[in-house]
Amino acid sequence: MAHLVDDKCIMCKHTTCVEVCPVDCFYEGPNMLVINPDECIDCGVCIPECPEEAIYQTDDVNDKWYKHNEYFANEWPNITEAKDPMPEYEQYSNSSEDKTKLFKAK
């Protein structure tokens, strides 16, 4: 099993989850984070750290967010220290809208 980040992270990018990860498996994109599912040890310490509830667990390699996390973890730089969330995060925090249209790969 692996933990993954979904669209609730888009435009928020809190990084409190990054600091507690014992294996440094988070990667940072322009407006969201992802977890490398091959590096994740399934410890779950990141889940309660995410105020957006954007981290979940699955072993379904066909899950769209599994594929998304796997792909972008190999494209983006590793992040190991917390940073401030995105400046406009409050506008998107706890939003029920589908934020995938706001995703930026570069």
C-alpha atoms as a PDB file:
ATOM      1  CA  MET A   1       0.000   0.000   0.000  1.00  0.00           C
ATOM      2  CA  ALA A   2       1.033   3.571  -0.536  1.00  0.00           C
ATOM      3  CA  HIS A   3      -0.162   6.959   0.532  1.00  0.00           C
ATOM      4  CA  LEU A   4      -1.032   9.439  -2.200  1.00  0.00           C
ATOM      5  CA  VAL A   5      -1.924  13.102  -2.587  1.00  0.00           C
ATOM      6  CA  ASP A   6      -5.100  14.039  -4.460  1.00  0.00           C
ATOM      7  CA  ASP A   7      -6.546  17.254  -5.915  1.00  0.00           C
ATOM      8  CA  LYS A   8      -7.349  18.750  -2.511  1.00  0.00           C
ATOM      9  CA  CYS A   9      -3.674  19.770  -2.346  1.00  0.00           C
ATOM     10  CA  ILE A  10      -3.859  21.807  -5.560  1.00  0.00           C
ATOM     11  CA  MET A  11      -3.506  25.538  -4.877  1.00  0.00           C
ATOM     12  CA  CYS A  12      -2.890  24.925  -1.161  1.00  0.00           C
ATOM     13  CA  LYS A  13       0.378  23.017  -0.864  1.00  0.00           C
ATOM     14  CA  HIS A  14       0.726  22.887   2.899  1.00  0.00           C
ATOM     15  CA  THR A  15       4.011  21.169   3.632  1.00  0.00           C
ATOM     16  CA  THR A  16       3.582  20.057   7.230  1.00  0.00           C
ATOM     17  CA  CYS A  17       3.344  16.506   5.891  1.00  0.00           C
ATOM     18  CA  VAL A  18       6.824  16.775   4.399  1.00  0.00           C
ATOM     19  CA  GLU A  19       8.594  17.357   7.711  1.00  0.00           C
ATOM     20  CA  VAL A  20       7.185  14.237   9.373  1.00  0.00           C
ATOM     21  CA  CYS A  21       7.936  11.839   6.516  1.00  0.00           C
ATOM     22  CA  PRO A  22      10.702   9.466   7.663  1.00  0.00           C
ATOM     23  CA  VAL A  23      11.687   8.501   4.102  1.00  0.00           C
ATOM     24  CA  ASP A  24      11.451  11.878   2.335  1.00  0.00           C
ATOM     25  CA  CYS A  25       9.076  10.635  -0.355  1.00  0.00           C
ATOM     26  CA  PHE A  26       7.324  13.961  -1.114  1.00  0.00           C
ATOM     27  CA  TYR A  27       7.936  15.880  -4.330  1.00  0.00           C
ATOM     28  CA  GLU A  28       7.000  19.474  -5.052  1.00  0.00           C
ATOM     29  CA  GLY A  29       5.307  20.800  -8.153  1.00  0.00           C
ATOM     30  CA  PRO A  30       4.215  24.344  -8.958  1.00  0.00           C
ATOM     31  CA  ASN A  31       0.920  24.105  -7.073  1.00  0.00           C
ATOM     32  CA  MET A  32       0.736  20.723  -5.333  1.00  0.00           C
ATOM     33  CA  LEU A  33       2.775  17.974  -3.713  1.00  0.00           C
ATOM     34  CA  VAL A  34       2.909  14.285  -4.621  1.00  0.00           C
ATOM     35  CA  ILE A  35       4.181  11.161  -2.873  1.00  0.00           C
ATOM     36  CA  ASN A  36       6.369   8.632  -4.625  1.00  0.00           C
ATOM     37  CA  PRO A  37       4.399   5.399  -4.063  1.00  0.00           C
ATOM     38  CA  ASP A  38       7.546   3.308  -4.551  1.00  0.00           C
ATOM     39  CA  GLU A  39       9.321   5.134  -1.721  1.00  0.00           C
ATOM     40  CA  CYS A  40       6.396   5.416   0.700  1.00  0.00           C
ATOM     41  CA  ILE A  41       6.653   2.933   3.592  1.00  0.00           C
ATOM     42  CA  ASP A  42       2.950   3.204   4.474  1.00  0.00           C
ATOM     43  CA  CYS A  43       3.575   4.568   7.967  1.00  0.00           C
ATOM     44  CA  GLY A  44       0.699   7.067   7.768  1.00  0.00           C
ATOM     45  CA  VAL A  45       2.306   9.844   9.818  1.00  0.00           C
ATOM     46  CA  CYS A  46       1.598  12.334   7.017  1.00  0.00           C
ATOM     47  CA  ILE A  47      -2.183  11.851   7.022  1.00  0.00           C
ATOM     48  CA  PRO A  48      -3.058  13.821  10.181  1.00  0.00           C
ATOM     49  CA  GLU A  49      -0.600  16.578   9.189  1.00  0.00           C
ATOM     50  CA  CYS A  50      -2.577  17.559   6.080  1.00  0.00           C
ATOM     51  CA  PRO A  51      -5.196  20.205   6.914  1.00  0.00           C
ATOM     52  CA  GLU A  52      -6.857  19.659   3.533  1.00  0.00           C
ATOM     53  CA  GLU A  53      -7.252  15.895   4.024  1.00  0.00           C
ATOM     54  CA  ALA A  54      -5.550  15.410   0.658  1.00  0.00           C
ATOM     55  CA  ILE A  55      -3.574  12.290   1.604  1.00  0.00           C
ATOM     56  CA  TYR A  56      -5.106   8.834   1.374  1.00  0.00           C
ATOM     57  CA  GLN A  57      -4.013   5.216   1.157  1.00  0.00           C
ATOM     58  CA  THR A  58      -4.511   2.765  -1.702  1.00  0.00           C
ATOM     59  CA  ASP A  59      -2.899  -0.224  -3.329  1.00  0.00           C
ATOM     60  CA  ASP A  60      -4.822   0.277  -6.593  1.00  0.00           C
ATOM     61  CA  VAL A  61      -2.126   0.975  -9.191  1.00  0.00           C
ATOM     62  CA  ASN A  62      -4.907   1.909 -11.634  1.00  0.00           C
ATOM     63  CA  ASP A  63      -6.184   4.695  -9.375  1.00  0.00           C
ATOM     64  CA  LYS A  64      -5.798   7.995 -11.272  1.00  0.00           C
ATOM     65  CA  TRP A  65      -4.031   9.650  -8.323  1.00  0.00           C
ATOM     66  CA  TYR A  66      -1.687   6.685  -7.949  1.00  0.00           C
ATOM     67  CA  LYS A  67      -0.605   7.206 -11.554  1.00  0.00           C
ATOM     68  CA  HIS A  68      -0.428  10.975 -11.082  1.00  0.00           C
ATOM     69  CA  ASN A  69       1.742  10.716  -7.955  1.00  0.00           C
ATOM     70  CA  GLU A  70       3.975   8.062  -9.512  1.00  0.00           C
ATOM     71  CA  TYR A  71       4.554  10.077 -12.684  1.00  0.00           C
ATOM     72  CA  PHE A  72       5.192  13.497 -11.115  1.00  0.00           C
ATOM     73  CA  ALA A  73       7.376  12.118  -8.317  1.00  0.00           C
ATOM     74  CA  ASN A  74       9.813  11.298 -11.105  1.00  0.00           C
ATOM     75  CA  GLU A  75       9.500  14.751 -12.705  1.00  0.00           C
ATOM     76  CA  TRP A  76       9.564  17.132  -9.731  1.00  0.00           C
ATOM     77  CA  PRO A  77      12.244  17.843  -7.099  1.00  0.00           C
ATOM     78  CA  ASN A  78      12.192  16.190  -3.702  1.00  0.00           C
ATOM     79  CA  ILE A  79      11.040  18.371  -0.801  1.00  0.00           C
ATOM     80  CA  THR A  80      12.158  17.621   2.756  1.00  0.00           C
ATOM     81  CA  GLU A  81      11.478  20.832   4.690  1.00  0.00           C
ATOM     82  CA  ALA A  82       8.253  22.709   5.382  1.00  0.00           C
ATOM     83  CA  LYS A  83       7.494  25.941   3.557  1.00  0.00           C
ATOM     84  CA  ASP A  84       4.622  28.377   3.777  1.00  0.00           C
ATOM     85  CA  PRO A  85       1.489  27.274   1.920  1.00  0.00           C
ATOM     86  CA  MET A  86       0.570  28.981  -1.322  1.00  0.00           C
ATOM     87  CA  PRO A  87      -0.383  32.642  -0.800  1.00  0.00           C
ATOM     88  CA  GLU A  88      -3.939  32.097  -2.035  1.00  0.00           C
ATOM     89  CA  TYR A  89      -4.511  28.817  -0.194  1.00  0.00           C
ATOM     90  CA  GLU A  90      -7.346  30.205   1.972  1.00  0.00           C
ATOM     91  CA  GLN A  91      -9.413  30.790  -1.165  1.00  0.00           C
ATOM     92  CA  TYR A  92      -9.121  27.086  -2.065  1.00  0.00           C
ATOM     93  CA  SER A  93      -8.909  25.509   1.381  1.00  0.00           C
ATOM     94  CA  ASN A  94     -11.589  22.905   2.137  1.00  0.00           C
ATOM     95  CA  SER A  95     -13.154  23.519  -1.257  1.00  0.00           C
ATOM     96  CA  SER A  96     -15.556  20.924  -2.589  1.00  0.00           C
ATOM     97  CA  GLU A  97     -14.847  21.895  -6.196  1.00  0.00           C
ATOM     98  CA  ASP A  98     -12.821  19.665  -8.485  1.00  0.00           C
ATOM     99  CA  LYS A  99      -9.466  21.444  -8.536  1.00  0.00           C
ATOM    100  CA  THR A 100      -7.891  19.278 -11.254  1.00  0.00           C
ATOM    101  CA  LYS A 101      -8.483  22.035 -13.804  1.00  0.00           C
ATOM    102  CA  LEU A 102      -6.162  24.263 -11.732  1.00  0.00           C
ATOM    103  CA  PHE A 103      -3.280  21.748 -11.777  1.00  0.00           C
ATOM    104  CA  LYS A 104       0.052  22.947 -13.187  1.00  0.00           C
ATOM    105  CA  ALA A 105       2.740  20.473 -14.258  1.00  0.00           C
ATOM    106  CA  LYS A 106       5.418  23.153 -14.824  1.00  0.00           C
END
